[in-house]
Amino acid sequence: MPRRPLLVTLENVMRKIEQQMIEAIKAKKTWSMDNTKVEYQCELDEPMHARMEQAKVYLFGNHIGTYLYRDTAFYVNFKTLRNWPTRTTKSRLRALGASV
């Protein structure tokens, strides 16, 4: 699936919570409001605990996707999408550039 950049444009009509979610990802901050959470995780370069810089996005406590700063791309958690293909889940994912 093609990846689109994480951008907010005036043409995009999205909820305020989705705009704040994107701002938290851009600012590299952990943030939560109501049913949505962004968890920023800095890069780790330790022998036993390596991790890329990323922001994980949760809806109702379910991981719906991950933004990888190195790739400047958002990756959908398709398992969660299959289990909860709700309008809210799809709205959050679309706000992050996913084609769902």
C-alpha atoms as a PDB file:
ATOM      1  CA  MET A   1       0.000   0.000   0.000  1.00  0.00           C
ATOM      2  CA  PRO A   2       1.462   3.398  -0.914  1.00  0.00           C
ATOM      3  CA  ARG A   3       2.461   5.622   1.970  1.00  0.00           C
ATOM      4  CA  ARG A   4       1.478   9.272   2.141  1.00  0.00           C
ATOM      5  CA  PRO A   5       3.320  11.888   4.204  1.00  0.00           C
ATOM      6  CA  LEU A   6       1.928  12.941   7.555  1.00  0.00           C
ATOM      7  CA  LEU A   7       0.561  16.335   6.588  1.00  0.00           C
ATOM      8  CA  VAL A   8      -2.338  18.453   7.669  1.00  0.00           C
ATOM      9  CA  THR A   9      -3.798  20.553   4.868  1.00  0.00           C
ATOM     10  CA  LEU A  10      -6.727  22.919   4.822  1.00  0.00           C
ATOM     11  CA  GLU A  11      -8.499  20.652   2.342  1.00  0.00           C
ATOM     12  CA  ASN A  12      -8.596  17.860   4.898  1.00  0.00           C
ATOM     13  CA  VAL A  13     -11.679  18.008   7.044  1.00  0.00           C
ATOM     14  CA  MET A  14     -10.886  16.304  10.305  1.00  0.00           C
ATOM     15  CA  ARG A  15     -11.932  16.388  13.883  1.00  0.00           C
ATOM     16  CA  LYS A  16     -10.133  18.572  16.384  1.00  0.00           C
ATOM     17  CA  ILE A  17      -8.939  15.469  18.234  1.00  0.00           C
ATOM     18  CA  GLU A  18      -7.345  14.204  15.008  1.00  0.00           C
ATOM     19  CA  GLN A  19      -5.584  17.533  14.450  1.00  0.00           C
ATOM     20  CA  GLN A  20      -4.224  17.403  18.007  1.00  0.00           C
ATOM     21  CA  MET A  21      -3.148  13.787  17.494  1.00  0.00           C
ATOM     22  CA  ILE A  22      -1.125  14.810  14.430  1.00  0.00           C
ATOM     23  CA  GLU A  23       0.375  17.790  16.248  1.00  0.00           C
ATOM     24  CA  ALA A  24       1.526  15.480  19.065  1.00  0.00           C
ATOM     25  CA  ILE A  25       3.223  13.194  16.537  1.00  0.00           C
ATOM     26  CA  LYS A  26       4.929  16.133  14.844  1.00  0.00           C
ATOM     27  CA  ALA A  27       6.036  17.546  18.214  1.00  0.00           C
ATOM     28  CA  LYS A  28       7.288  14.115  19.342  1.00  0.00           C
ATOM     29  CA  LYS A  29       5.153  14.191  22.476  1.00  0.00           C
ATOM     30  CA  THR A  30       3.050  11.675  24.325  1.00  0.00           C
ATOM     31  CA  TRP A  31      -0.544  12.915  24.337  1.00  0.00           C
ATOM     32  CA  SER A  32      -4.035  11.634  25.070  1.00  0.00           C
ATOM     33  CA  MET A  33      -7.568  12.928  24.846  1.00  0.00           C
ATOM     34  CA  ASP A  34     -10.797  11.038  25.370  1.00  0.00           C
ATOM     35  CA  ASN A  35     -10.448   7.744  23.461  1.00  0.00           C
ATOM     36  CA  THR A  36      -7.231   8.530  21.545  1.00  0.00           C
ATOM     37  CA  LYS A  37      -3.612   8.324  22.678  1.00  0.00           C
ATOM     38  CA  VAL A  38      -0.232   8.990  21.061  1.00  0.00           C
ATOM     39  CA  GLU A  39       2.741   7.385  22.771  1.00  0.00           C
ATOM     40  CA  TYR A  40       6.084   8.848  21.681  1.00  0.00           C
ATOM     41  CA  GLN A  41       9.074   6.517  22.014  1.00  0.00           C
ATOM     42  CA  CYS A  42      12.583   7.820  21.453  1.00  0.00           C
ATOM     43  CA  GLU A  43      15.221   5.804  19.645  1.00  0.00           C
ATOM     44  CA  LEU A  44      17.177   3.312  21.718  1.00  0.00           C
ATOM     45  CA  ASP A  45      20.530   2.022  20.590  1.00  0.00           C
ATOM     46  CA  GLU A  46      21.479  -0.438  23.279  1.00  0.00           C
ATOM     47  CA  PRO A  47      22.695  -3.974  22.627  1.00  0.00           C
ATOM     48  CA  MET A  48      19.690  -5.692  24.199  1.00  0.00           C
ATOM     49  CA  HIS A  49      17.024  -3.007  23.624  1.00  0.00           C
ATOM     50  CA  ALA A  50      17.199  -1.429  20.173  1.00  0.00           C
ATOM     51  CA  ARG A  51      14.203   0.575  18.912  1.00  0.00           C
ATOM     52  CA  MET A  52      13.573   3.119  16.182  1.00  0.00           C
ATOM     53  CA  GLU A  53      12.100   6.509  17.060  1.00  0.00           C
ATOM     54  CA  GLN A  54       8.350   6.098  16.740  1.00  0.00           C
ATOM     55  CA  ALA A  55       4.916   7.236  17.834  1.00  0.00           C
ATOM     56  CA  LYS A  56       2.302   4.588  18.535  1.00  0.00           C
ATOM     57  CA  VAL A  57      -1.350   5.564  18.139  1.00  0.00           C
ATOM     58  CA  TYR A  58      -4.094   3.962  20.227  1.00  0.00           C
ATOM     59  CA  LEU A  59      -7.879   4.147  20.066  1.00  0.00           C
ATOM     60  CA  PHE A  60      -9.795   2.853  23.098  1.00  0.00           C
ATOM     61  CA  GLY A  61      -6.516   1.272  24.242  1.00  0.00           C
ATOM     62  CA  ASN A  62      -6.056  -0.665  20.977  1.00  0.00           C
ATOM     63  CA  HIS A  63      -2.929  -0.052  18.933  1.00  0.00           C
ATOM     64  CA  ILE A  64      -4.161   1.165  15.527  1.00  0.00           C
ATOM     65  CA  GLY A  65      -0.830   2.099  13.976  1.00  0.00           C
ATOM     66  CA  THR A  66       2.729   3.371  14.286  1.00  0.00           C
ATOM     67  CA  TYR A  67       4.470   6.404  12.833  1.00  0.00           C
ATOM     68  CA  LEU A  68       8.175   5.768  12.154  1.00  0.00           C
ATOM     69  CA  TYR A  69      10.145   9.009  12.080  1.00  0.00           C
ATOM     70  CA  ARG A  70      13.020   7.479  10.119  1.00  0.00           C
ATOM     71  CA  ASP A  71      10.664   6.455   7.308  1.00  0.00           C
ATOM     72  CA  THR A  72       8.396   9.518   7.712  1.00  0.00           C
ATOM     73  CA  ALA A  73       5.535   7.061   7.262  1.00  0.00           C
ATOM     74  CA  PHE A  74       2.553   5.742   9.180  1.00  0.00           C
ATOM     75  CA  TYR A  75       1.960   1.988   9.287  1.00  0.00           C
ATOM     76  CA  VAL A  76      -1.527   0.634   9.977  1.00  0.00           C
ATOM     77  CA  ASN A  77      -2.024  -2.200  12.451  1.00  0.00           C
ATOM     78  CA  PHE A  78      -4.258  -4.296  10.185  1.00  0.00           C
ATOM     79  CA  LYS A  79      -5.046  -6.806  12.929  1.00  0.00           C
ATOM     80  CA  THR A  80      -6.745  -4.063  14.952  1.00  0.00           C
ATOM     81  CA  LEU A  81      -8.477  -2.712  11.847  1.00  0.00           C
ATOM     82  CA  ARG A  82      -9.857  -6.197  11.093  1.00  0.00           C
ATOM     83  CA  ASN A  83     -11.134  -6.582  14.661  1.00  0.00           C
ATOM     84  CA  TRP A  84     -12.592  -3.061  14.935  1.00  0.00           C
ATOM     85  CA  PRO A  85     -13.381  -1.670  11.451  1.00  0.00           C
ATOM     86  CA  THR A  86     -15.406   1.193  12.943  1.00  0.00           C
ATOM     87  CA  ARG A  87     -15.948   4.650  11.488  1.00  0.00           C
ATOM     88  CA  THR A  88     -13.851   6.120  14.304  1.00  0.00           C
ATOM     89  CA  THR A  89     -10.932   3.769  13.663  1.00  0.00           C
ATOM     90  CA  LYS A  90     -11.027   4.531   9.944  1.00  0.00           C
ATOM     91  CA  SER A  91     -11.320   8.262  10.598  1.00  0.00           C
ATOM     92  CA  ARG A  92      -8.204   8.287  12.802  1.00  0.00           C
ATOM     93  CA  LEU A  93      -6.264   6.242  10.248  1.00  0.00           C
ATOM     94  CA  ARG A  94      -7.324   8.455   7.346  1.00  0.00           C
ATOM     95  CA  ALA A  95      -6.275  11.540   9.293  1.00  0.00           C
ATOM     96  CA  LEU A  96      -2.826   9.961   9.500  1.00  0.00           C
ATOM     97  CA  GLY A  97      -2.696   9.390   5.745  1.00  0.00           C
ATOM     98  CA  ALA A  98      -3.781   5.752   5.545  1.00  0.00           C
ATOM     99  CA  SER A  99      -5.987   4.631   2.668  1.00  0.00           C
ATOM    100  CA  VAL A 100      -8.725   2.702   4.446  1.00  0.00           C
END
